[in-house]
């Protein structure tokens, strides 16, 4: 049986990771909900925020697919949250906010939490990875130059580990792919739990 895996995410980086793993999939463009995108609840810990947001994305994707398709398809969702001092840094809205985020991260360590949710045959499988990233001290000129690349936009925390922000990263205690947006190790564990590991290790 040919299994259809849907990636319900607009992230080009998650799509890229699955392509590099040779995991056949289709990107599912689920309409965004009305109101604030991925709101943070009062007093919500960044870990809980990431898990809740990934689960809500999955529920919207299943609803959008419809009852018949959602029962037979495998749907994958993920959310990546950047946090420092338990404060969540979302996606910067402009250059000034991007520069503010980078200044906050400068010469400090912060956490990147990546939550993943997979639905198959009416079951939901979830994972959460915690990754510590350490930035070296950034100069105002470096922050300005990085913001001018437009890389900070559309990325939690205002940076992408796979891009030019790698110049800033002094240490990583965790998994590179998780900081990029999709934890490969956890993904395989979820696929195994769902009995979908046949999607991996396919010959090219």
C-alpha atoms as a PDB file:
ATOM      1  CA  UNK A   1       0.000   0.000   0.000  1.00  0.00           C
ATOM      2  CA  UNK A   2       1.327   3.459  -0.905  1.00  0.00           C
ATOM      3  CA  UNK A   3       1.114   5.636   2.168  1.00  0.00           C
ATOM      4  CA  UNK A   4       0.492   9.373   1.738  1.00  0.00           C
ATOM      5  CA  UNK A   5       2.339  11.523   4.251  1.00  0.00           C
ATOM      6  CA  UNK A   6       1.132  15.090   4.525  1.00  0.00           C
ATOM      7  CA  UNK A   7       3.346  17.813   5.974  1.00  0.00           C
ATOM      8  CA  UNK A   8       0.957  20.425   7.311  1.00  0.00           C
ATOM      9  CA  UNK A   9       3.494  23.227   7.546  1.00  0.00           C
ATOM     10  CA  UNK A  10       4.394  26.278   5.489  1.00  0.00           C
ATOM     11  CA  UNK A  11       8.033  25.943   6.592  1.00  0.00           C
ATOM     12  CA  UNK A  12      10.364  25.505   3.630  1.00  0.00           C
ATOM     13  CA  UNK A  13      12.969  24.155   6.055  1.00  0.00           C
ATOM     14  CA  UNK A  14      10.789  21.236   7.192  1.00  0.00           C
ATOM     15  CA  UNK A  15      10.001  20.428   3.581  1.00  0.00           C
ATOM     16  CA  UNK A  16      13.734  20.534   2.828  1.00  0.00           C
ATOM     17  CA  UNK A  17      14.567  18.143   5.688  1.00  0.00           C
ATOM     18  CA  UNK A  18      12.027  15.565   4.501  1.00  0.00           C
ATOM     19  CA  UNK A  19      13.354  15.857   0.953  1.00  0.00           C
ATOM     20  CA  UNK A  20      16.919  15.315   2.152  1.00  0.00           C
ATOM     21  CA  UNK A  21      15.738  12.201   4.021  1.00  0.00           C
ATOM     22  CA  UNK A  22      14.078  10.955   0.825  1.00  0.00           C
ATOM     23  CA  UNK A  23      10.738  10.752   2.635  1.00  0.00           C
ATOM     24  CA  UNK A  24       8.017  11.168   0.045  1.00  0.00           C
ATOM     25  CA  UNK A  25       5.410  13.658   1.205  1.00  0.00           C
ATOM     26  CA  UNK A  26       2.974  16.322   0.121  1.00  0.00           C
ATOM     27  CA  UNK A  27       2.846  19.787   1.643  1.00  0.00           C
ATOM     28  CA  UNK A  28      -0.610  20.568   2.954  1.00  0.00           C
ATOM     29  CA  UNK A  29      -1.480  24.266   2.778  1.00  0.00           C
ATOM     30  CA  UNK A  30      -3.993  24.608   5.609  1.00  0.00           C
ATOM     31  CA  UNK A  31      -5.595  28.087   5.851  1.00  0.00           C
ATOM     32  CA  UNK A  32      -4.499  30.058   8.909  1.00  0.00           C
ATOM     33  CA  UNK A  33      -7.078  30.529  11.667  1.00  0.00           C
ATOM     34  CA  UNK A  34      -8.714  33.892  12.192  1.00  0.00           C
ATOM     35  CA  UNK A  35      -7.221  36.239  14.764  1.00  0.00           C
ATOM     36  CA  UNK A  36      -3.708  36.220  16.214  1.00  0.00           C
ATOM     37  CA  UNK A  37      -1.364  33.618  14.764  1.00  0.00           C
ATOM     38  CA  UNK A  38      -0.166  31.135  17.421  1.00  0.00           C
ATOM     39  CA  UNK A  39      -1.116  33.233  20.487  1.00  0.00           C
ATOM     40  CA  UNK A  40       0.696  32.675  23.777  1.00  0.00           C
ATOM     41  CA  UNK A  41      -1.568  31.899  26.729  1.00  0.00           C
ATOM     42  CA  UNK A  42      -0.989  33.801  30.023  1.00  0.00           C
ATOM     43  CA  UNK A  43       1.653  32.084  32.154  1.00  0.00           C
ATOM     44  CA  UNK A  44       2.280  29.401  29.529  1.00  0.00           C
ATOM     45  CA  UNK A  45       5.729  27.768  29.652  1.00  0.00           C
ATOM     46  CA  UNK A  46       7.546  27.715  26.291  1.00  0.00           C
ATOM     47  CA  UNK A  47       7.567  23.881  26.299  1.00  0.00           C
ATOM     48  CA  UNK A  48       3.806  23.754  26.770  1.00  0.00           C
ATOM     49  CA  UNK A  49       3.338  26.457  24.151  1.00  0.00           C
ATOM     50  CA  UNK A  50       5.270  24.445  21.551  1.00  0.00           C
ATOM     51  CA  UNK A  51       3.344  21.238  22.327  1.00  0.00           C
ATOM     52  CA  UNK A  52      -0.041  22.967  22.291  1.00  0.00           C
ATOM     53  CA  UNK A  53       0.652  24.833  19.067  1.00  0.00           C
ATOM     54  CA  UNK A  54       1.826  21.682  17.243  1.00  0.00           C
ATOM     55  CA  UNK A  55      -1.282  19.811  18.437  1.00  0.00           C
ATOM     56  CA  UNK A  56      -3.607  22.647  17.376  1.00  0.00           C
ATOM     57  CA  UNK A  57      -1.971  22.767  13.944  1.00  0.00           C
ATOM     58  CA  UNK A  58      -2.604  19.043  13.620  1.00  0.00           C
ATOM     59  CA  UNK A  59      -6.257  19.372  14.598  1.00  0.00           C
ATOM     60  CA  UNK A  60      -6.796  22.139  12.024  1.00  0.00           C
ATOM     61  CA  UNK A  61      -5.097  20.044   9.336  1.00  0.00           C
ATOM     62  CA  UNK A  62      -7.258  16.996  10.096  1.00  0.00           C
ATOM     63  CA  UNK A  63     -10.397  19.103  10.059  1.00  0.00           C
ATOM     64  CA  UNK A  64      -9.390  20.699   6.773  1.00  0.00           C
ATOM     65  CA  UNK A  65      -8.649  17.306   5.181  1.00  0.00           C
ATOM     66  CA  UNK A  66     -12.071  16.017   6.129  1.00  0.00           C
ATOM     67  CA  UNK A  67     -13.120  12.890   7.984  1.00  0.00           C
ATOM     68  CA  UNK A  68     -12.529  10.396   5.168  1.00  0.00           C
ATOM     69  CA  UNK A  69      -9.031  11.533   4.198  1.00  0.00           C
ATOM     70  CA  UNK A  70      -7.860  12.205   7.747  1.00  0.00           C
ATOM     71  CA  UNK A  71      -8.540   8.573   8.692  1.00  0.00           C
ATOM     72  CA  UNK A  72      -6.377   7.103   5.939  1.00  0.00           C
ATOM     73  CA  UNK A  73      -3.582   9.681   5.649  1.00  0.00           C
ATOM     74  CA  UNK A  74      -0.587  10.324   7.891  1.00  0.00           C
ATOM     75  CA  UNK A  75      -0.386  13.997   8.854  1.00  0.00           C
ATOM     76  CA  UNK A  76       2.704  15.590  10.376  1.00  0.00           C
ATOM     77  CA  UNK A  77       2.807  18.966  12.128  1.00  0.00           C
ATOM     78  CA  UNK A  78       5.530  20.723  14.089  1.00  0.00           C
ATOM     79  CA  UNK A  79       6.208  23.896  16.009  1.00  0.00           C
ATOM     80  CA  UNK A  80       9.546  25.409  16.991  1.00  0.00           C
ATOM     81  CA  UNK A  81       9.732  27.825  19.906  1.00  0.00           C
ATOM     82  CA  UNK A  82      12.732  29.980  20.875  1.00  0.00           C
ATOM     83  CA  UNK A  83      12.821  30.988  24.535  1.00  0.00           C
ATOM     84  CA  UNK A  84      15.127  32.900  26.845  1.00  0.00           C
ATOM     85  CA  UNK A  85      14.394  33.326  30.565  1.00  0.00           C
ATOM     86  CA  UNK A  86      11.078  31.548  29.875  1.00  0.00           C
ATOM     87  CA  UNK A  87      10.084  34.384  27.531  1.00  0.00           C
ATOM     88  CA  UNK A  88       9.102  33.320  24.009  1.00  0.00           C
ATOM     89  CA  UNK A  89      10.684  35.101  21.057  1.00  0.00           C
ATOM     90  CA  UNK A  90       8.331  34.777  18.115  1.00  0.00           C
ATOM     91  CA  UNK A  91       8.840  35.784  14.509  1.00  0.00           C
ATOM     92  CA  UNK A  92      10.041  39.398  14.243  1.00  0.00           C
ATOM     93  CA  UNK A  93       7.663  41.788  12.539  1.00  0.00           C
ATOM     94  CA  UNK A  94      10.292  44.284  11.379  1.00  0.00           C
ATOM     95  CA  UNK A  95      14.017  45.088  11.392  1.00  0.00           C
ATOM     96  CA  UNK A  96      13.875  46.818  14.755  1.00  0.00           C
ATOM     97  CA  UNK A  97      12.303  43.815  16.453  1.00  0.00           C
ATOM     98  CA  UNK A  98      14.702  41.412  14.731  1.00  0.00           C
ATOM     99  CA  UNK A  99      17.639  43.488  15.994  1.00  0.00           C
ATOM    100  CA  UNK A 100      16.113  43.522  19.485  1.00  0.00           C
ATOM    101  CA  UNK A 101      15.819  39.722  19.476  1.00  0.00           C
ATOM    102  CA  UNK A 102      19.431  39.270  18.357  1.00  0.00           C
ATOM    103  CA  UNK A 103      20.681  41.698  20.988  1.00  0.00           C
ATOM    104  CA  UNK A 104      18.768  39.713  23.613  1.00  0.00           C
ATOM    105  CA  UNK A 105      20.371  36.458  22.418  1.00  0.00           C
ATOM    106  CA  UNK A 106      23.867  37.958  22.170  1.00  0.00           C
ATOM    107  CA  UNK A 107      26.480  36.427  24.500  1.00  0.00           C
ATOM    108  CA  UNK A 108      23.898  34.168  26.127  1.00  0.00           C
ATOM    109  CA  UNK A 109      22.388  30.708  25.885  1.00  0.00           C
ATOM    110  CA  UNK A 110      18.753  30.123  25.022  1.00  0.00           C
ATOM    111  CA  UNK A 111      16.423  27.192  24.434  1.00  0.00           C
ATOM    112  CA  UNK A 112      14.794  25.927  21.272  1.00  0.00           C
ATOM    113  CA  UNK A 113      11.848  23.595  21.841  1.00  0.00           C
ATOM    114  CA  UNK A 114      10.586  21.622  18.858  1.00  0.00           C
ATOM    115  CA  UNK A 115       7.271  19.809  19.237  1.00  0.00           C
ATOM    116  CA  UNK A 116       6.008  17.345  16.638  1.00  0.00           C
ATOM    117  CA  UNK A 117       2.617  15.719  16.231  1.00  0.00           C
ATOM    118  CA  UNK A 118       1.754  12.862  13.884  1.00  0.00           C
ATOM    119  CA  UNK A 119      -1.732  11.524  13.198  1.00  0.00           C
ATOM    120  CA  UNK A 120      -2.404   8.117  11.656  1.00  0.00           C
ATOM    121  CA  UNK A 121      -5.352   5.710  11.856  1.00  0.00           C
ATOM    122  CA  UNK A 122      -7.098   7.845  14.447  1.00  0.00           C
ATOM    123  CA  UNK A 123      -4.088   7.899  16.789  1.00  0.00           C
ATOM    124  CA  UNK A 124      -1.913  10.897  17.640  1.00  0.00           C
ATOM    125  CA  UNK A 125       1.786  10.543  18.413  1.00  0.00           C
ATOM    126  CA  UNK A 126       3.699  13.465  19.927  1.00  0.00           C
ATOM    127  CA  UNK A 127       7.274  14.403  20.788  1.00  0.00           C
ATOM    128  CA  UNK A 128       9.150  17.343  22.285  1.00  0.00           C
ATOM    129  CA  UNK A 129      12.872  18.043  22.089  1.00  0.00           C
ATOM    130  CA  UNK A 130      14.797  20.603  24.139  1.00  0.00           C
ATOM    131  CA  UNK A 131      17.929  22.125  22.637  1.00  0.00           C
ATOM    132  CA  UNK A 132      20.293  24.691  24.121  1.00  0.00           C
ATOM    133  CA  UNK A 133      21.960  27.173  21.764  1.00  0.00           C
ATOM    134  CA  UNK A 134      24.767  29.524  22.824  1.00  0.00           C
ATOM    135  CA  UNK A 135      25.406  32.754  20.927  1.00  0.00           C
ATOM    136  CA  UNK A 136      28.723  34.567  21.069  1.00  0.00           C
ATOM    137  CA  UNK A 137      28.745  38.310  21.671  1.00  0.00           C
ATOM    138  CA  UNK A 138      27.358  40.145  18.644  1.00  0.00           C
ATOM    139  CA  UNK A 139      28.395  43.648  17.637  1.00  0.00           C
ATOM    140  CA  UNK A 140      25.799  46.233  16.561  1.00  0.00           C
ATOM    141  CA  UNK A 141      27.318  46.112  13.056  1.00  0.00           C
ATOM    142  CA  UNK A 142      26.871  42.324  12.859  1.00  0.00           C
ATOM    143  CA  UNK A 143      23.269  42.552  14.014  1.00  0.00           C
ATOM    144  CA  UNK A 144      22.532  45.251  11.454  1.00  0.00           C
ATOM    145  CA  UNK A 145      24.226  43.284   8.662  1.00  0.00           C
ATOM    146  CA  UNK A 146      22.335  40.093   9.514  1.00  0.00           C
ATOM    147  CA  UNK A 147      18.985  41.880   9.613  1.00  0.00           C
ATOM    148  CA  UNK A 148      19.737  43.326   6.170  1.00  0.00           C
ATOM    149  CA  UNK A 149      19.875  39.764   4.747  1.00  0.00           C
ATOM    150  CA  UNK A 150      16.153  39.314   5.539  1.00  0.00           C
ATOM    151  CA  UNK A 151      17.005  35.933   7.085  1.00  0.00           C
ATOM    152  CA  UNK A 152      15.439  36.810  10.456  1.00  0.00           C
ATOM    153  CA  UNK A 153      11.925  37.048   9.038  1.00  0.00           C
ATOM    154  CA  UNK A 154       9.552  34.126   9.214  1.00  0.00           C
ATOM    155  CA  UNK A 155      11.767  32.416  11.803  1.00  0.00           C
ATOM    156  CA  UNK A 156      11.170  31.997  15.521  1.00  0.00           C
ATOM    157  CA  UNK A 157      13.704  34.029  17.490  1.00  0.00           C
ATOM    158  CA  UNK A 158      14.709  35.972  14.405  1.00  0.00           C
ATOM    159  CA  UNK A 159      17.401  33.617  13.137  1.00  0.00           C
ATOM    160  CA  UNK A 160      17.947  30.409  11.186  1.00  0.00           C
ATOM    161  CA  UNK A 161      20.665  28.008  12.312  1.00  0.00           C
ATOM    162  CA  UNK A 162      21.074  26.745   8.731  1.00  0.00           C
ATOM    163  CA  UNK A 163      21.846  30.227   7.411  1.00  0.00           C
ATOM    164  CA  UNK A 164      24.286  33.027   8.134  1.00  0.00           C
ATOM    165  CA  UNK A 165      23.329  33.037  11.819  1.00  0.00           C
ATOM    166  CA  UNK A 166      25.592  29.983  12.064  1.00  0.00           C
ATOM    167  CA  UNK A 167      28.415  32.552  12.278  1.00  0.00           C
ATOM    168  CA  UNK A 168      27.006  33.522  15.685  1.00  0.00           C
ATOM    169  CA  UNK A 169      26.552  30.101  17.281  1.00  0.00           C
ATOM    170  CA  UNK A 170      29.244  29.208  19.771  1.00  0.00           C
ATOM    171  CA  UNK A 171      27.755  25.926  20.985  1.00  0.00           C
ATOM    172  CA  UNK A 172      24.779  23.627  20.511  1.00  0.00           C
ATOM    173  CA  UNK A 173      23.627  21.118  23.099  1.00  0.00           C
ATOM    174  CA  UNK A 174      20.952  19.204  21.275  1.00  0.00           C
ATOM    175  CA  UNK A 175      20.062  18.318  17.710  1.00  0.00           C
ATOM    176  CA  UNK A 176      20.784  20.605  14.766  1.00  0.00           C
ATOM    177  CA  UNK A 177      17.719  19.498  12.784  1.00  0.00           C
ATOM    178  CA  UNK A 178      15.442  20.279  15.739  1.00  0.00           C
ATOM    179  CA  UNK A 179      16.692  23.868  15.863  1.00  0.00           C
ATOM    180  CA  UNK A 180      16.210  24.030  12.103  1.00  0.00           C
ATOM    181  CA  UNK A 181      12.565  23.048  12.585  1.00  0.00           C
ATOM    182  CA  UNK A 182      12.126  19.263  12.452  1.00  0.00           C
ATOM    183  CA  UNK A 183      13.760  16.853  14.884  1.00  0.00           C
ATOM    184  CA  UNK A 184      14.896  13.932  12.702  1.00  0.00           C
ATOM    185  CA  UNK A 185      15.501  11.575  15.624  1.00  0.00           C
ATOM    186  CA  UNK A 186      12.057  12.222  17.126  1.00  0.00           C
ATOM    187  CA  UNK A 187      10.448  12.021  13.694  1.00  0.00           C
ATOM    188  CA  UNK A 188      11.750   8.492  13.207  1.00  0.00           C
ATOM    189  CA  UNK A 189      10.503   7.477  16.659  1.00  0.00           C
ATOM    190  CA  UNK A 190       7.023   8.804  15.834  1.00  0.00           C
ATOM    191  CA  UNK A 191       6.964   6.980  12.496  1.00  0.00           C
ATOM    192  CA  UNK A 192       8.026   3.758  14.236  1.00  0.00           C
ATOM    193  CA  UNK A 193       5.296   4.135  16.855  1.00  0.00           C
ATOM    194  CA  UNK A 194       2.737   4.613  14.090  1.00  0.00           C
ATOM    195  CA  UNK A 195       4.080   1.660  12.114  1.00  0.00           C
ATOM    196  CA  UNK A 196       5.173   3.944   9.288  1.00  0.00           C
ATOM    197  CA  UNK A 197       8.924   3.367   9.369  1.00  0.00           C
ATOM    198  CA  UNK A 198       8.625   1.932   5.840  1.00  0.00           C
ATOM    199  CA  UNK A 199       8.617   5.570   4.713  1.00  0.00           C
ATOM    200  CA  UNK A 200      12.305   5.719   5.677  1.00  0.00           C
ATOM    201  CA  UNK A 201      15.340   4.003   4.140  1.00  0.00           C
ATOM    202  CA  UNK A 202      13.867   3.952   0.651  1.00  0.00           C
ATOM    203  CA  UNK A 203      16.340   3.557  -2.194  1.00  0.00           C
ATOM    204  CA  UNK A 204      16.666   6.498  -4.565  1.00  0.00           C
END
